[in-house]
Amino acid sequence: MTKSALVVLTLPLAAFLATAANAQLTADASKITCEDFATYKIADPDKIAVWLNGYYNGKSGNASIDLVHLNENTKNLEQYCIQNPEMLVMQAYEKLLGGPSGGPKSH
């Protein structure tokens, strides 16, 4: 097989792999378990915690970001999830940091 024929045959494969690598992964946050959260199965726990913080703050109309508490809350949530791997992470967040309508508790 010539080099040019090999290049022509591998271009479609390379294009497919590049497309697959750029595919967007989505997750239903309401189905993420504590095990998924604490063991990085879905994403970095910090990213999920930021999403959760924004979600609950948005529900309560709070547009401020308290970075100190966000970091503390993420560590606390991760520890709680390690101890309760079967719990849904949104339920764990609500239990630790506030109800679904009340948003996160402020410290």
C-alpha atoms as a PDB file:
ATOM      1  CA  MET A   1       0.000   0.000   0.000  1.00  0.00           C
ATOM      2  CA  THR A   2       1.385   3.407  -0.906  1.00  0.00           C
ATOM      3  CA  LYS A   3       1.765   6.232   1.585  1.00  0.00           C
ATOM      4  CA  SER A   4      -0.851   8.345  -0.158  1.00  0.00           C
ATOM      5  CA  ALA A   5      -3.370   5.472  -0.100  1.00  0.00           C
ATOM      6  CA  LEU A   6      -2.710   4.952   3.608  1.00  0.00           C
ATOM      7  CA  VAL A   7      -3.249   8.665   4.279  1.00  0.00           C
ATOM      8  CA  VAL A   8      -6.526   8.632   2.323  1.00  0.00           C
ATOM      9  CA  LEU A   9      -7.746   5.613   4.275  1.00  0.00           C
ATOM     10  CA  THR A  10      -6.820   7.016   7.688  1.00  0.00           C
ATOM     11  CA  LEU A  11      -8.261  10.512   7.193  1.00  0.00           C
ATOM     12  CA  PRO A  12     -11.881   9.423   7.804  1.00  0.00           C
ATOM     13  CA  LEU A  13     -10.811   7.596  10.968  1.00  0.00           C
ATOM     14  CA  ALA A  14      -8.913  10.637  12.205  1.00  0.00           C
ATOM     15  CA  ALA A  15     -11.914  12.872  11.477  1.00  0.00           C
ATOM     16  CA  PHE A  16     -14.211  10.479  13.351  1.00  0.00           C
ATOM     17  CA  LEU A  17     -11.910  10.337  16.377  1.00  0.00           C
ATOM     18  CA  ALA A  18     -11.578  14.118  16.459  1.00  0.00           C
ATOM     19  CA  THR A  19     -15.364  14.481  16.355  1.00  0.00           C
ATOM     20  CA  ALA A  20     -15.836  11.878  19.088  1.00  0.00           C
ATOM     21  CA  ALA A  21     -13.240  13.605  21.268  1.00  0.00           C
ATOM     22  CA  ASN A  22     -15.115  16.902  20.936  1.00  0.00           C
ATOM     23  CA  ALA A  23     -18.517  15.361  21.701  1.00  0.00           C
ATOM     24  CA  GLN A  24     -20.281  17.072  24.566  1.00  0.00           C
ATOM     25  CA  LEU A  25     -21.092  14.964  27.595  1.00  0.00           C
ATOM     26  CA  THR A  26     -24.212  15.878  29.510  1.00  0.00           C
ATOM     27  CA  ALA A  27     -25.473  14.529  32.795  1.00  0.00           C
ATOM     28  CA  ASP A  28     -28.802  14.767  34.580  1.00  0.00           C
ATOM     29  CA  ALA A  29     -27.793  16.418  37.853  1.00  0.00           C
ATOM     30  CA  SER A  30     -30.806  14.942  39.633  1.00  0.00           C
ATOM     31  CA  LYS A  31     -29.417  11.435  39.022  1.00  0.00           C
ATOM     32  CA  ILE A  32     -25.809  11.974  40.133  1.00  0.00           C
ATOM     33  CA  THR A  33     -25.098   9.904  43.221  1.00  0.00           C
ATOM     34  CA  CYS A  34     -22.728  10.807  45.991  1.00  0.00           C
ATOM     35  CA  GLU A  35     -20.489   7.990  44.799  1.00  0.00           C
ATOM     36  CA  ASP A  36     -20.397   9.555  41.317  1.00  0.00           C
ATOM     37  CA  PHE A  37     -19.587  12.923  42.884  1.00  0.00           C
ATOM     38  CA  ALA A  38     -16.909  11.812  45.339  1.00  0.00           C
ATOM     39  CA  THR A  39     -15.126   9.455  42.950  1.00  0.00           C
ATOM     40  CA  TYR A  40     -14.963  11.798  39.922  1.00  0.00           C
ATOM     41  CA  LYS A  41     -17.144   9.443  37.810  1.00  0.00           C
ATOM     42  CA  ILE A  42     -19.066  12.306  36.207  1.00  0.00           C
ATOM     43  CA  ALA A  43     -16.688  15.250  36.545  1.00  0.00           C
ATOM     44  CA  ASP A  44     -14.395  16.969  38.997  1.00  0.00           C
ATOM     45  CA  PRO A  45     -16.430  17.450  42.216  1.00  0.00           C
ATOM     46  CA  ASP A  46     -15.494  21.153  42.231  1.00  0.00           C
ATOM     47  CA  LYS A  47     -17.288  21.636  38.909  1.00  0.00           C
ATOM     48  CA  ILE A  48     -20.401  19.840  40.100  1.00  0.00           C
ATOM     49  CA  ALA A  49     -20.364  21.809  43.359  1.00  0.00           C
ATOM     50  CA  VAL A  50     -20.145  25.094  41.456  1.00  0.00           C
ATOM     51  CA  TRP A  51     -23.148  24.025  39.367  1.00  0.00           C
ATOM     52  CA  LEU A  52     -25.089  23.024  42.491  1.00  0.00           C
ATOM     53  CA  ASN A  53     -24.218  26.305  44.193  1.00  0.00           C
ATOM     54  CA  GLY A  54     -25.408  28.272  41.169  1.00  0.00           C
ATOM     55  CA  TYR A  55     -28.553  26.193  40.838  1.00  0.00           C
ATOM     56  CA  TYR A  56     -29.655  26.656  44.433  1.00  0.00           C
ATOM     57  CA  ASN A  57     -28.579  30.287  44.639  1.00  0.00           C
ATOM     58  CA  GLY A  58     -30.481  30.951  41.415  1.00  0.00           C
ATOM     59  CA  LYS A  59     -33.610  29.346  42.854  1.00  0.00           C
ATOM     60  CA  SER A  60     -33.381  31.644  45.859  1.00  0.00           C
ATOM     61  CA  GLY A  61     -32.610  34.758  43.801  1.00  0.00           C
ATOM     62  CA  ASN A  62     -29.119  35.164  45.238  1.00  0.00           C
ATOM     63  CA  ALA A  63     -26.577  36.340  42.644  1.00  0.00           C
ATOM     64  CA  SER A  64     -23.544  36.576  44.927  1.00  0.00           C
ATOM     65  CA  ILE A  65     -20.677  34.088  45.079  1.00  0.00           C
ATOM     66  CA  ASP A  66     -18.976  33.464  48.399  1.00  0.00           C
ATOM     67  CA  LEU A  67     -15.798  31.692  47.334  1.00  0.00           C
ATOM     68  CA  VAL A  68     -14.669  30.862  50.870  1.00  0.00           C
ATOM     69  CA  HIS A  69     -17.938  29.145  51.717  1.00  0.00           C
ATOM     70  CA  LEU A  70     -18.111  27.521  48.285  1.00  0.00           C
ATOM     71  CA  ASN A  71     -14.769  25.807  48.897  1.00  0.00           C
ATOM     72  CA  GLU A  72     -15.722  24.816  52.453  1.00  0.00           C
ATOM     73  CA  ASN A  73     -19.112  23.555  51.316  1.00  0.00           C
ATOM     74  CA  THR A  74     -17.534  21.507  48.528  1.00  0.00           C
ATOM     75  CA  LYS A  75     -15.167  19.803  50.983  1.00  0.00           C
ATOM     76  CA  ASN A  76     -18.029  19.135  53.404  1.00  0.00           C
ATOM     77  CA  LEU A  77     -20.222  17.766  50.628  1.00  0.00           C
ATOM     78  CA  GLU A  78     -17.440  15.507  49.398  1.00  0.00           C
ATOM     79  CA  GLN A  79     -16.871  14.112  52.911  1.00  0.00           C
ATOM     80  CA  TYR A  80     -20.599  13.600  53.409  1.00  0.00           C
ATOM     81  CA  CYS A  81     -20.852  11.839  50.058  1.00  0.00           C
ATOM     82  CA  ILE A  82     -17.990   9.505  50.908  1.00  0.00           C
ATOM     83  CA  GLN A  83     -19.984   8.428  53.961  1.00  0.00           C
ATOM     84  CA  ASN A  84     -23.295   8.219  52.023  1.00  0.00           C
ATOM     85  CA  PRO A  85     -22.406   6.940  48.531  1.00  0.00           C
ATOM     86  CA  GLU A  86     -25.930   5.809  47.601  1.00  0.00           C
ATOM     87  CA  MET A  87     -27.533   9.209  48.278  1.00  0.00           C
ATOM     88  CA  LEU A  88     -28.209  11.532  45.373  1.00  0.00           C
ATOM     89  CA  VAL A  89     -25.788  14.455  45.457  1.00  0.00           C
ATOM     90  CA  MET A  90     -28.607  17.008  45.163  1.00  0.00           C
ATOM     91  CA  GLN A  91     -30.266  15.493  48.243  1.00  0.00           C
ATOM     92  CA  ALA A  92     -26.940  15.569  50.080  1.00  0.00           C
ATOM     93  CA  TYR A  93     -26.446  19.221  49.117  1.00  0.00           C
ATOM     94  CA  GLU A  94     -29.938  20.105  50.326  1.00  0.00           C
ATOM     95  CA  LYS A  95     -29.406  18.240  53.602  1.00  0.00           C
ATOM     96  CA  LEU A  96     -26.078  19.930  54.305  1.00  0.00           C
ATOM     97  CA  LEU A  97     -26.580  23.366  52.838  1.00  0.00           C
ATOM     98  CA  GLY A  98     -30.255  24.150  52.577  1.00  0.00           C
ATOM     99  CA  GLY A  99     -33.548  23.042  51.133  1.00  0.00           C
ATOM    100  CA  PRO A 100     -34.534  23.205  47.493  1.00  0.00           C
ATOM    101  CA  SER A 101     -36.455  26.444  47.930  1.00  0.00           C
ATOM    102  CA  GLY A 102     -34.267  28.040  50.559  1.00  0.00           C
ATOM    103  CA  GLY A 103     -30.927  27.865  48.799  1.00  0.00           C
ATOM    104  CA  PRO A 104     -27.667  27.317  50.608  1.00  0.00           C
ATOM    105  CA  LYS A 105     -27.380  28.198  54.252  1.00  0.00           C
ATOM    106  CA  SER A 106     -25.028  31.069  54.894  1.00  0.00           C
ATOM    107  CA  HIS A 107     -22.389  30.673  57.562  1.00  0.00           C
END
